[in-house]
Amino acid sequence: MATARDAAPERAQYWAVPVVRGILALVPAAVITFSPNHSPAFGLLVFGVWAIVSGLVVGALSLRLTVERGIRTLFAVNGVATVVAGILAVTLPGVLPFLLYLVSVWAAVTGIVELFAGLRARGHSAVARDWIAVGVSTAVLALVFLVVPLDAVAAVGFLGGYLVIVGVYLLIAGFSLKWAAAPVVPAPASADPTASETEQHS
């Protein structure tokens, strides 16, 4: 008998979480891509609005569709951290050092937490690989914002690029989960050729 730890930590409908998360990531990515304004204030505003909405919506969906208490706690932490980062982004002065610091701290915290969730669920969850991939991508964003000397245009551009990559990946991952979970309709049983032969000879 499988233990609670061996059971999948997510419900069958969990595919909706990465799909919604991917859509929410692609919206600010498009705003950044098609806007000529790549100032720190603009970057903080876009990041802040996205973080508040994403933290609330994805956090609520994750809590509802995740059954393992440990994984639920990890994603609750990420939801709260994302909302707090979003509130700080839209309320504090929009200067480049603050943009770099806020995004790097947010990405480090949420990336490590999601990576840990993926490693914890590895071997008994179909979504563990996706959590690991997104966690690593987010941690890399933290390193870029922390280590690489970026100007405003590059910083906002990297943020947009991260959102594009993660958004597309999550959409593909979410729909793959949905299709993988779809019930397979069995093919109609073919007539037994041996039985047919017996009938013909009788």
N, C-alpha and C. Protein backbone atom coordinates (compact mmCIF):
# COMPACT_ATOMS: atom_id res chain seq x y z
N MET A 1 0.85 -1.20 0.00
CA MET A 1 0.00 0.00 0.00
C MET A 1 0.88 1.25 0.00
N ALA A 2 0.55 2.24 -0.86
CA ALA A 2 1.35 3.46 -0.94
C ALA A 2 1.10 4.34 0.26
N THR A 3 2.15 4.95 0.77
CA THR A 3 2.02 5.88 1.89
C THR A 3 1.59 7.23 1.38
N ALA A 4 1.23 8.14 2.31
CA ALA A 4 0.81 9.49 1.90
C ALA A 4 1.94 10.21 1.20
N ARG A 5 3.18 9.93 1.63
CA ARG A 5 4.32 10.58 1.01
C ARG A 5 4.53 10.11 -0.42
N ASP A 6 4.15 8.84 -0.69
CA ASP A 6 4.33 8.29 -2.03
C ASP A 6 3.23 8.71 -3.00
N ALA A 7 2.09 9.16 -2.47
CA ALA A 7 0.98 9.56 -3.33
C ALA A 7 1.29 10.89 -4.01
N ALA A 8 0.69 11.12 -5.18
CA ALA A 8 0.87 12.39 -5.88
C ALA A 8 0.36 13.54 -5.02
N PRO A 9 1.12 14.64 -4.90
CA PRO A 9 0.71 15.74 -4.03
C PRO A 9 -0.33 16.65 -4.65
N GLU A 10 -0.71 16.41 -5.90
CA GLU A 10 -1.66 17.30 -6.56
C GLU A 10 -2.90 16.54 -7.02
N ARG A 11 -4.01 17.27 -7.15
CA ARG A 11 -5.24 16.67 -7.65
C ARG A 11 -5.19 16.55 -9.17
N ALA A 12 -6.13 15.79 -9.73
CA ALA A 12 -6.15 15.57 -11.17
C ALA A 12 -6.35 16.87 -11.95
N GLN A 13 -7.07 17.83 -11.34
CA GLN A 13 -7.34 19.09 -12.02
C GLN A 13 -6.18 20.09 -11.92
N TYR A 14 -5.05 19.66 -11.37
CA TYR A 14 -3.93 20.58 -11.13
C TYR A 14 -3.41 21.20 -12.42
N TRP A 15 -3.68 20.57 -13.56
CA TRP A 15 -3.19 21.10 -14.83
C TRP A 15 -3.61 22.56 -15.04
N ALA A 16 -4.72 22.97 -14.41
CA ALA A 16 -5.20 24.34 -14.56
C ALA A 16 -4.23 25.35 -13.94
N VAL A 17 -3.49 24.93 -12.92
CA VAL A 17 -2.57 25.86 -12.24
C VAL A 17 -1.46 26.33 -13.18
N PRO A 18 -0.69 25.42 -13.81
CA PRO A 18 0.34 25.92 -14.73
C PRO A 18 -0.22 26.66 -15.93
N VAL A 19 -1.43 26.28 -16.40
CA VAL A 19 -2.02 27.00 -17.53
C VAL A 19 -2.33 28.44 -17.15
N VAL A 20 -3.01 28.63 -16.01
CA VAL A 20 -3.33 29.99 -15.55
C VAL A 20 -2.05 30.76 -15.26
N ARG A 21 -1.12 30.08 -14.64
CA ARG A 21 0.16 30.73 -14.31
C ARG A 21 0.90 31.17 -15.58
N GLY A 22 0.86 30.32 -16.60
CA GLY A 22 1.52 30.66 -17.86
C GLY A 22 0.87 31.85 -18.54
N ILE A 23 -0.46 31.88 -18.55
CA ILE A 23 -1.18 33.01 -19.16
C ILE A 23 -0.86 34.31 -18.42
N LEU A 24 -0.87 34.24 -17.10
CA LEU A 24 -0.57 35.44 -16.30
C LEU A 24 0.86 35.93 -16.53
N ALA A 25 1.78 35.04 -16.82
CA ALA A 25 3.16 35.45 -17.08
C ALA A 25 3.31 36.07 -18.47
N LEU A 26 2.54 35.58 -19.44
CA LEU A 26 2.69 36.09 -20.81
C LEU A 26 2.08 37.48 -20.99
N VAL A 27 1.12 37.84 -20.15
CA VAL A 27 0.51 39.18 -20.28
C VAL A 27 1.53 40.28 -20.00
N PRO A 28 2.22 40.30 -18.84
CA PRO A 28 3.24 41.34 -18.63
C PRO A 28 4.41 41.21 -19.58
N ALA A 29 4.72 39.98 -20.01
CA ALA A 29 5.79 39.81 -20.99
C ALA A 29 5.46 40.55 -22.28
N ALA A 30 4.20 40.46 -22.72
CA ALA A 30 3.77 41.18 -23.93
C ALA A 30 3.80 42.69 -23.71
N VAL A 31 3.39 43.14 -22.52
CA VAL A 31 3.41 44.57 -22.21
C VAL A 31 4.83 45.10 -22.29
N ILE A 32 5.78 44.37 -21.71
CA ILE A 32 7.19 44.79 -21.76
C ILE A 32 7.72 44.77 -23.18
N THR A 33 7.39 43.72 -23.91
CA THR A 33 7.91 43.57 -25.28
C THR A 33 7.47 44.70 -26.19
N PHE A 34 6.21 45.11 -26.09
CA PHE A 34 5.67 46.09 -27.02
C PHE A 34 5.70 47.52 -26.48
N SER A 35 6.32 47.73 -25.33
CA SER A 35 6.42 49.08 -24.78
C SER A 35 7.82 49.64 -25.02
N PRO A 36 7.90 50.89 -25.48
CA PRO A 36 9.22 51.50 -25.65
C PRO A 36 9.81 51.98 -24.32
N ASN A 37 9.00 52.02 -23.28
CA ASN A 37 9.42 52.51 -21.97
C ASN A 37 9.96 51.36 -21.14
N HIS A 38 11.27 51.34 -20.94
CA HIS A 38 11.91 50.32 -20.11
C HIS A 38 12.57 50.96 -18.90
N SER A 39 11.91 51.95 -18.34
CA SER A 39 12.45 52.64 -17.16
C SER A 39 12.25 51.76 -15.92
N PRO A 40 13.02 52.03 -14.85
CA PRO A 40 12.83 51.27 -13.61
C PRO A 40 11.40 51.38 -13.07
N ALA A 41 10.81 52.58 -13.16
CA ALA A 41 9.45 52.76 -12.66
C ALA A 41 8.46 51.89 -13.43
N PHE A 42 8.65 51.83 -14.74
CA PHE A 42 7.78 50.99 -15.57
C PHE A 42 7.98 49.51 -15.22
N GLY A 43 9.23 49.10 -15.08
CA GLY A 43 9.52 47.71 -14.74
C GLY A 43 8.91 47.32 -13.41
N LEU A 44 9.02 48.20 -12.42
CA LEU A 44 8.44 47.92 -11.11
C LEU A 44 6.92 47.86 -11.16
N LEU A 45 6.33 48.74 -11.95
CA LEU A 45 4.87 48.75 -12.06
C LEU A 45 4.36 47.45 -12.69
N VAL A 46 4.99 47.04 -13.79
CA VAL A 46 4.57 45.81 -14.47
C VAL A 46 4.80 44.61 -13.56
N PHE A 47 5.99 44.55 -12.96
CA PHE A 47 6.29 43.44 -12.07
C PHE A 47 5.33 43.42 -10.88
N GLY A 48 5.05 44.60 -10.33
CA GLY A 48 4.20 44.68 -9.15
C GLY A 48 2.78 44.22 -9.41
N VAL A 49 2.19 44.71 -10.50
CA VAL A 49 0.81 44.31 -10.83
C VAL A 49 0.75 42.81 -11.10
N TRP A 50 1.72 42.32 -11.87
CA TRP A 50 1.75 40.88 -12.15
C TRP A 50 1.92 40.07 -10.87
N ALA A 51 2.82 40.49 -9.99
CA ALA A 51 3.10 39.73 -8.78
C ALA A 51 1.88 39.67 -7.86
N ILE A 52 1.17 40.78 -7.72
CA ILE A 52 -0.02 40.79 -6.86
C ILE A 52 -1.08 39.84 -7.40
N VAL A 53 -1.39 39.99 -8.70
CA VAL A 53 -2.43 39.15 -9.31
C VAL A 53 -2.00 37.68 -9.32
N SER A 54 -0.77 37.43 -9.73
CA SER A 54 -0.28 36.06 -9.83
C SER A 54 -0.19 35.41 -8.45
N GLY A 55 0.31 36.15 -7.48
CA GLY A 55 0.43 35.59 -6.14
C GLY A 55 -0.91 35.19 -5.56
N LEU A 56 -1.91 36.04 -5.75
CA LEU A 56 -3.24 35.75 -5.22
C LEU A 56 -3.92 34.60 -5.96
N VAL A 57 -3.96 34.69 -7.30
CA VAL A 57 -4.68 33.70 -8.10
C VAL A 57 -3.99 32.34 -8.05
N VAL A 58 -2.69 32.32 -8.36
CA VAL A 58 -1.98 31.05 -8.40
C VAL A 58 -1.85 30.46 -7.00
N GLY A 59 -1.65 31.32 -6.01
CA GLY A 59 -1.58 30.82 -4.64
C GLY A 59 -2.88 30.14 -4.22
N ALA A 60 -4.01 30.77 -4.54
CA ALA A 60 -5.31 30.19 -4.18
C ALA A 60 -5.55 28.87 -4.92
N LEU A 61 -5.24 28.83 -6.22
CA LEU A 61 -5.42 27.59 -6.99
C LEU A 61 -4.52 26.48 -6.48
N SER A 62 -3.28 26.83 -6.14
CA SER A 62 -2.34 25.83 -5.65
C SER A 62 -2.82 25.23 -4.33
N LEU A 63 -3.34 26.09 -3.45
CA LEU A 63 -3.84 25.59 -2.17
C LEU A 63 -5.04 24.67 -2.37
N ARG A 64 -5.86 25.00 -3.34
CA ARG A 64 -7.07 24.20 -3.56
C ARG A 64 -6.76 22.87 -4.23
N LEU A 65 -5.77 22.85 -5.13
CA LEU A 65 -5.54 21.67 -5.96
C LEU A 65 -4.30 20.88 -5.54
N THR A 66 -3.68 21.25 -4.43
CA THR A 66 -2.54 20.50 -3.89
C THR A 66 -2.98 19.84 -2.59
N VAL A 67 -2.74 18.55 -2.48
CA VAL A 67 -3.27 17.81 -1.33
C VAL A 67 -2.23 17.56 -0.23
N GLU A 68 -0.97 17.46 -0.60
CA GLU A 68 0.05 17.21 0.42
C GLU A 68 0.32 18.48 1.22
N ARG A 69 0.26 18.36 2.54
CA ARG A 69 0.36 19.55 3.39
C ARG A 69 1.69 20.28 3.22
N GLY A 70 2.79 19.52 3.11
CA GLY A 70 4.10 20.16 2.97
C GLY A 70 4.21 20.97 1.69
N ILE A 71 3.73 20.41 0.58
CA ILE A 71 3.78 21.12 -0.70
C ILE A 71 2.85 22.33 -0.66
N ARG A 72 1.69 22.17 -0.07
CA ARG A 72 0.75 23.31 0.05
C ARG A 72 1.39 24.45 0.82
N THR A 73 2.10 24.12 1.89
CA THR A 73 2.76 25.16 2.69
C THR A 73 3.82 25.89 1.87
N LEU A 74 4.59 25.15 1.09
CA LEU A 74 5.62 25.77 0.27
C LEU A 74 5.02 26.75 -0.74
N PHE A 75 3.93 26.35 -1.39
CA PHE A 75 3.33 27.24 -2.37
C PHE A 75 2.55 28.38 -1.71
N ALA A 76 2.10 28.17 -0.49
CA ALA A 76 1.51 29.29 0.26
C ALA A 76 2.57 30.34 0.56
N VAL A 77 3.77 29.88 0.93
CA VAL A 77 4.89 30.79 1.16
C VAL A 77 5.21 31.58 -0.10
N ASN A 78 5.26 30.87 -1.24
CA ASN A 78 5.54 31.55 -2.50
C ASN A 78 4.47 32.56 -2.87
N GLY A 79 3.19 32.21 -2.63
CA GLY A 79 2.11 33.13 -2.92
C GLY A 79 2.22 34.40 -2.09
N VAL A 80 2.47 34.25 -0.79
CA VAL A 80 2.59 35.40 0.09
C VAL A 80 3.80 36.24 -0.29
N ALA A 81 4.94 35.60 -0.55
CA ALA A 81 6.15 36.33 -0.93
C ALA A 81 5.95 37.11 -2.22
N THR A 82 5.22 36.52 -3.16
CA THR A 82 4.98 37.19 -4.45
C THR A 82 4.07 38.38 -4.29
N VAL A 83 3.01 38.24 -3.49
CA VAL A 83 2.10 39.37 -3.26
C VAL A 83 2.82 40.50 -2.53
N VAL A 84 3.62 40.17 -1.51
CA VAL A 84 4.36 41.20 -0.77
C VAL A 84 5.33 41.94 -1.70
N ALA A 85 6.04 41.17 -2.55
CA ALA A 85 6.96 41.81 -3.50
C ALA A 85 6.21 42.72 -4.45
N GLY A 86 5.02 42.30 -4.88
CA GLY A 86 4.22 43.14 -5.78
C GLY A 86 3.77 44.43 -5.11
N ILE A 87 3.34 44.34 -3.85
CA ILE A 87 2.91 45.54 -3.13
C ILE A 87 4.08 46.52 -2.96
N LEU A 88 5.24 45.98 -2.61
CA LEU A 88 6.42 46.85 -2.47
C LEU A 88 6.77 47.50 -3.82
N ALA A 89 6.64 46.74 -4.90
CA ALA A 89 7.01 47.26 -6.22
C ALA A 89 6.14 48.43 -6.65
N VAL A 90 4.84 48.40 -6.30
CA VAL A 90 3.95 49.46 -6.76
C VAL A 90 3.82 50.62 -5.77
N THR A 91 4.43 50.48 -4.59
CA THR A 91 4.27 51.54 -3.59
C THR A 91 5.57 52.30 -3.30
N LEU A 92 6.71 51.67 -3.50
CA LEU A 92 7.98 52.33 -3.18
C LEU A 92 8.58 52.97 -4.45
N PRO A 93 9.53 53.90 -4.28
CA PRO A 93 10.07 54.65 -5.42
C PRO A 93 10.65 53.75 -6.50
N GLY A 94 10.37 54.10 -7.76
CA GLY A 94 10.81 53.28 -8.88
C GLY A 94 12.19 53.63 -9.36
N VAL A 95 13.21 53.23 -8.63
CA VAL A 95 14.60 53.48 -9.01
C VAL A 95 15.27 52.14 -9.34
N LEU A 96 16.32 52.20 -10.15
CA LEU A 96 16.96 50.98 -10.64
C LEU A 96 17.50 50.08 -9.52
N PRO A 97 18.26 50.62 -8.53
CA PRO A 97 18.76 49.73 -7.48
C PRO A 97 17.65 48.97 -6.76
N PHE A 98 16.51 49.63 -6.54
CA PHE A 98 15.41 48.95 -5.86
C PHE A 98 14.81 47.87 -6.75
N LEU A 99 14.67 48.14 -8.04
CA LEU A 99 14.17 47.12 -8.98
C LEU A 99 15.06 45.89 -8.96
N LEU A 100 16.38 46.10 -9.04
CA LEU A 100 17.31 44.98 -9.05
C LEU A 100 17.26 44.21 -7.74
N TYR A 101 17.22 44.94 -6.63
CA TYR A 101 17.21 44.29 -5.32
C TYR A 101 15.92 43.52 -5.09
N LEU A 102 14.78 44.14 -5.39
CA LEU A 102 13.49 43.50 -5.13
C LEU A 102 13.31 42.24 -5.97
N VAL A 103 13.59 42.34 -7.26
CA VAL A 103 13.40 41.17 -8.13
C VAL A 103 14.37 40.05 -7.75
N SER A 104 15.62 40.40 -7.40
CA SER A 104 16.58 39.37 -7.05
C SER A 104 16.18 38.65 -5.75
N VAL A 105 15.71 39.39 -4.76
CA VAL A 105 15.29 38.76 -3.50
C VAL A 105 14.06 37.89 -3.73
N TRP A 106 13.07 38.45 -4.45
CA TRP A 106 11.85 37.68 -4.74
C TRP A 106 12.18 36.40 -5.49
N ALA A 107 13.01 36.52 -6.53
CA ALA A 107 13.34 35.36 -7.37
C ALA A 107 14.14 34.32 -6.59
N ALA A 108 15.03 34.77 -5.72
CA ALA A 108 15.82 33.83 -4.92
C ALA A 108 14.91 33.04 -3.98
N VAL A 109 14.01 33.74 -3.28
CA VAL A 109 13.13 33.07 -2.31
C VAL A 109 12.19 32.11 -3.02
N THR A 110 11.45 32.60 -4.01
CA THR A 110 10.44 31.76 -4.65
C THR A 110 11.08 30.67 -5.51
N GLY A 111 12.22 30.97 -6.12
CA GLY A 111 12.89 29.95 -6.93
C GLY A 111 13.38 28.78 -6.09
N ILE A 112 14.01 29.09 -4.97
CA ILE A 112 14.52 28.03 -4.09
C ILE A 112 13.36 27.22 -3.51
N VAL A 113 12.28 27.90 -3.10
CA VAL A 113 11.14 27.19 -2.52
C VAL A 113 10.51 26.26 -3.55
N GLU A 114 10.33 26.75 -4.79
CA GLU A 114 9.72 25.89 -5.81
C GLU A 114 10.64 24.75 -6.20
N LEU A 115 11.93 25.01 -6.26
CA LEU A 115 12.89 23.95 -6.54
C LEU A 115 12.83 22.88 -5.45
N PHE A 116 12.74 23.30 -4.21
CA PHE A 116 12.63 22.34 -3.10
C PHE A 116 11.34 21.52 -3.20
N ALA A 117 10.24 22.19 -3.58
CA ALA A 117 8.97 21.47 -3.75
C ALA A 117 9.10 20.40 -4.84
N GLY A 118 9.77 20.75 -5.93
CA GLY A 118 9.96 19.79 -7.01
C GLY A 118 10.81 18.61 -6.59
N LEU A 119 11.90 18.89 -5.86
CA LEU A 119 12.76 17.80 -5.40
C LEU A 119 12.03 16.92 -4.39
N ARG A 120 11.20 17.53 -3.56
CA ARG A 120 10.43 16.77 -2.56
C ARG A 120 9.42 15.84 -3.23
N ALA A 121 8.82 16.30 -4.34
CA ALA A 121 7.78 15.52 -5.01
C ALA A 121 8.34 14.61 -6.10
N ARG A 122 9.64 14.68 -6.35
CA ARG A 122 10.22 13.89 -7.45
C ARG A 122 10.04 12.40 -7.19
N GLY A 123 9.61 11.68 -8.21
CA GLY A 123 9.42 10.25 -8.10
C GLY A 123 7.98 9.84 -7.86
N HIS A 124 7.14 10.77 -7.37
CA HIS A 124 5.74 10.40 -7.18
C HIS A 124 4.77 11.48 -7.65
N SER A 125 5.26 12.39 -8.51
CA SER A 125 4.39 13.43 -9.06
C SER A 125 4.79 13.77 -10.48
N ALA A 126 3.79 13.91 -11.34
CA ALA A 126 4.06 14.27 -12.74
C ALA A 126 4.50 15.71 -12.88
N VAL A 127 4.21 16.55 -11.89
CA VAL A 127 4.53 17.97 -12.00
C VAL A 127 5.85 18.33 -11.33
N ALA A 128 6.51 17.37 -10.69
CA ALA A 128 7.77 17.66 -10.00
C ALA A 128 8.81 18.24 -10.96
N ARG A 129 8.87 17.68 -12.16
CA ARG A 129 9.84 18.16 -13.15
C ARG A 129 9.59 19.61 -13.50
N ASP A 130 8.31 20.00 -13.61
CA ASP A 130 7.98 21.38 -13.95
C ASP A 130 8.33 22.32 -12.81
N TRP A 131 8.07 21.91 -11.57
CA TRP A 131 8.44 22.74 -10.43
C TRP A 131 9.96 22.94 -10.38
N ILE A 132 10.71 21.89 -10.67
CA ILE A 132 12.17 22.00 -10.67
C ILE A 132 12.63 22.95 -11.76
N ALA A 133 12.07 22.81 -12.96
CA ALA A 133 12.48 23.65 -14.09
C ALA A 133 12.20 25.12 -13.82
N VAL A 134 10.99 25.42 -13.33
CA VAL A 134 10.64 26.82 -13.06
C VAL A 134 11.44 27.35 -11.87
N GLY A 135 11.66 26.50 -10.87
CA GLY A 135 12.46 26.92 -9.73
C GLY A 135 13.87 27.29 -10.13
N VAL A 136 14.49 26.47 -10.98
CA VAL A 136 15.84 26.76 -11.46
C VAL A 136 15.85 28.04 -12.29
N SER A 137 14.87 28.20 -13.18
CA SER A 137 14.80 29.41 -14.02
C SER A 137 14.67 30.67 -13.16
N THR A 138 13.85 30.60 -12.12
CA THR A 138 13.65 31.75 -11.26
C THR A 138 14.90 32.05 -10.45
N ALA A 139 15.59 31.00 -9.99
CA ALA A 139 16.84 31.20 -9.26
C ALA A 139 17.91 31.82 -10.16
N VAL A 140 17.93 31.41 -11.43
CA VAL A 140 18.88 32.01 -12.39
C VAL A 140 18.58 33.49 -12.58
N LEU A 141 17.29 33.85 -12.65
CA LEU A 141 16.92 35.26 -12.74
C LEU A 141 17.46 36.04 -11.54
N ALA A 142 17.38 35.45 -10.36
CA ALA A 142 17.90 36.10 -9.16
C ALA A 142 19.40 36.35 -9.29
N LEU A 143 20.12 35.36 -9.78
CA LEU A 143 21.57 35.52 -9.95
C LEU A 143 21.90 36.61 -10.97
N VAL A 144 21.15 36.65 -12.07
CA VAL A 144 21.40 37.67 -13.10
C VAL A 144 21.19 39.06 -12.52
N PHE A 145 20.09 39.26 -11.81
CA PHE A 145 19.79 40.58 -11.25
C PHE A 145 20.74 40.95 -10.12
N LEU A 146 21.31 39.95 -9.47
CA LEU A 146 22.19 40.22 -8.33
C LEU A 146 23.64 40.42 -8.75
N VAL A 147 24.07 39.67 -9.75
CA VAL A 147 25.50 39.62 -10.10
C VAL A 147 25.84 40.47 -11.32
N VAL A 148 25.00 40.41 -12.35
CA VAL A 148 25.32 41.10 -13.61
C VAL A 148 25.00 42.58 -13.48
N PRO A 149 25.94 43.46 -13.89
CA PRO A 149 25.65 44.90 -13.85
C PRO A 149 24.68 45.29 -14.96
N LEU A 150 23.42 45.52 -14.62
CA LEU A 150 22.38 45.79 -15.60
C LEU A 150 21.96 47.25 -15.55
N ASP A 151 21.70 47.82 -16.73
CA ASP A 151 21.04 49.12 -16.75
C ASP A 151 19.53 48.87 -16.78
N ALA A 152 18.75 49.94 -16.81
CA ALA A 152 17.29 49.80 -16.72
C ALA A 152 16.72 49.01 -17.89
N VAL A 153 17.19 49.32 -19.09
CA VAL A 153 16.66 48.65 -20.28
C VAL A 153 16.94 47.15 -20.22
N ALA A 154 18.18 46.78 -19.84
CA ALA A 154 18.54 45.37 -19.76
C ALA A 154 17.77 44.66 -18.65
N ALA A 155 17.60 45.33 -17.52
CA ALA A 155 16.90 44.71 -16.39
C ALA A 155 15.45 44.42 -16.74
N VAL A 156 14.76 45.41 -17.30
CA VAL A 156 13.37 45.21 -17.67
C VAL A 156 13.26 44.18 -18.80
N GLY A 157 14.23 44.21 -19.72
CA GLY A 157 14.24 43.23 -20.81
C GLY A 157 14.44 41.82 -20.31
N PHE A 158 15.36 41.63 -19.36
CA PHE A 158 15.57 40.29 -18.78
C PHE A 158 14.32 39.82 -18.05
N LEU A 159 13.67 40.72 -17.34
CA LEU A 159 12.44 40.35 -16.65
C LEU A 159 11.37 39.88 -17.65
N GLY A 160 11.23 40.63 -18.76
CA GLY A 160 10.28 40.23 -19.80
C GLY A 160 10.65 38.90 -20.42
N GLY A 161 11.94 38.69 -20.66
CA GLY A 161 12.39 37.42 -21.23
C GLY A 161 12.12 36.25 -20.31
N TYR A 162 12.35 36.46 -19.02
CA TYR A 162 12.04 35.40 -18.04
C TYR A 162 10.56 35.06 -18.07
N LEU A 163 9.70 36.06 -18.10
CA LEU A 163 8.26 35.82 -18.10
C LEU A 163 7.82 35.09 -19.37
N VAL A 164 8.43 35.40 -20.49
CA VAL A 164 8.11 34.70 -21.74
C VAL A 164 8.48 33.22 -21.64
N ILE A 165 9.71 32.95 -21.22
CA ILE A 165 10.20 31.57 -21.14
C ILE A 165 9.34 30.75 -20.18
N VAL A 166 9.12 31.30 -18.98
CA VAL A 166 8.34 30.58 -17.97
C VAL A 166 6.88 30.43 -18.42
N GLY A 167 6.32 31.49 -19.02
CA GLY A 167 4.94 31.44 -19.47
C GLY A 167 4.70 30.37 -20.51
N VAL A 168 5.55 30.32 -21.52
CA VAL A 168 5.41 29.32 -22.59
C VAL A 168 5.61 27.91 -22.02
N TYR A 169 6.63 27.77 -21.19
CA TYR A 169 6.91 26.46 -20.59
C TYR A 169 5.72 25.95 -19.78
N LEU A 170 5.14 26.84 -18.97
CA LEU A 170 4.04 26.42 -18.11
C LEU A 170 2.78 26.08 -18.91
N LEU A 171 2.53 26.82 -19.98
CA LEU A 171 1.39 26.49 -20.84
C LEU A 171 1.55 25.09 -21.44
N ILE A 172 2.74 24.82 -21.96
CA ILE A 172 2.98 23.49 -22.54
C ILE A 172 2.86 22.42 -21.46
N ALA A 173 3.45 22.69 -20.30
CA ALA A 173 3.41 21.71 -19.21
C ALA A 173 1.98 21.46 -18.74
N GLY A 174 1.19 22.53 -18.62
CA GLY A 174 -0.18 22.39 -18.14
C GLY A 174 -1.05 21.58 -19.09
N PHE A 175 -0.97 21.91 -20.38
CA PHE A 175 -1.79 21.16 -21.34
C PHE A 175 -1.29 19.72 -21.50
N SER A 176 0.01 19.51 -21.33
CA SER A 176 0.53 18.14 -21.37
C SER A 176 -0.05 17.33 -20.21
N LEU A 177 -0.13 17.95 -19.03
CA LEU A 177 -0.74 17.26 -17.89
C LEU A 177 -2.20 16.93 -18.16
N LYS A 178 -2.92 17.87 -18.75
CA LYS A 178 -4.34 17.65 -19.04
C LYS A 178 -4.52 16.50 -20.02
N TRP A 179 -3.74 16.51 -21.09
CA TRP A 179 -3.88 15.46 -22.10
C TRP A 179 -3.44 14.11 -21.55
N ALA A 180 -2.41 14.11 -20.71
CA ALA A 180 -1.94 12.85 -20.13
C ALA A 180 -2.98 12.25 -19.19
N ALA A 181 -3.76 13.13 -18.54
CA ALA A 181 -4.77 12.65 -17.59
C ALA A 181 -6.10 12.31 -18.26
N ALA A 182 -6.25 12.65 -19.55
CA ALA A 182 -7.52 12.38 -20.25
C ALA A 182 -7.75 10.88 -20.32
N PRO A 183 -8.99 10.43 -20.07
CA PRO A 183 -9.27 8.99 -20.12
C PRO A 183 -9.12 8.44 -21.52
N VAL A 184 -8.53 7.27 -21.60
CA VAL A 184 -8.34 6.62 -22.90
C VAL A 184 -9.56 5.75 -23.19
N VAL A 185 -10.20 6.01 -24.35
CA VAL A 185 -11.37 5.22 -24.75
C VAL A 185 -10.89 3.93 -25.36
N PRO A 186 -11.24 2.77 -24.80
CA PRO A 186 -10.74 1.50 -25.34
C PRO A 186 -11.36 1.22 -26.71
N ALA A 187 -10.55 0.63 -27.57
CA ALA A 187 -11.03 0.26 -28.90
C ALA A 187 -12.00 -0.91 -28.77
N PRO A 188 -13.01 -0.97 -29.64
CA PRO A 188 -13.95 -2.09 -29.58
C PRO A 188 -13.25 -3.42 -29.79
N ALA A 189 -13.65 -4.40 -29.01
CA ALA A 189 -13.00 -5.72 -29.11
C ALA A 189 -13.29 -6.34 -30.47
N SER A 190 -12.25 -6.81 -31.12
CA SER A 190 -12.45 -7.44 -32.43
C SER A 190 -12.98 -8.86 -32.24
N ALA A 191 -13.63 -9.37 -33.26
CA ALA A 191 -14.19 -10.73 -33.19
C ALA A 191 -13.07 -11.74 -33.07
N ASP A 192 -13.30 -12.77 -32.31
CA ASP A 192 -12.30 -13.82 -32.14
C ASP A 192 -12.23 -14.64 -33.41
N PRO A 193 -11.09 -14.57 -34.13
CA PRO A 193 -10.99 -15.31 -35.40
C PRO A 193 -11.13 -16.81 -35.20
N THR A 194 -10.68 -17.32 -34.05
CA THR A 194 -10.79 -18.76 -33.79
C THR A 194 -12.24 -19.18 -33.69
N ALA A 195 -13.04 -18.30 -33.01
CA ALA A 195 -14.47 -18.61 -32.86
C ALA A 195 -15.17 -18.61 -34.20
N SER A 196 -14.78 -17.64 -35.08
CA SER A 196 -15.40 -17.57 -36.41
C SER A 196 -15.09 -18.81 -37.20
N GLU A 197 -13.83 -19.26 -37.10
CA GLU A 197 -13.43 -20.44 -37.84
C GLU A 197 -14.21 -21.66 -37.39
N THR A 198 -14.43 -21.75 -36.05
CA THR A 198 -15.15 -22.90 -35.50
C THR A 198 -16.58 -22.93 -35.99
N GLU A 199 -17.20 -21.70 -36.06
CA GLU A 199 -18.58 -21.62 -36.53
C GLU A 199 -18.69 -22.06 -37.97
N GLN A 200 -17.66 -21.66 -38.79
CA GLN A 200 -17.74 -22.00 -40.20
C GLN A 200 -17.63 -23.53 -40.41
N HIS A 201 -16.82 -24.21 -39.57
CA HIS A 201 -16.63 -25.64 -39.75
C HIS A 201 -17.75 -26.47 -39.15
N SER A 202 -18.60 -25.87 -38.30
CA SER A 202 -19.64 -26.65 -37.67
C SER A 202 -20.90 -26.74 -38.53
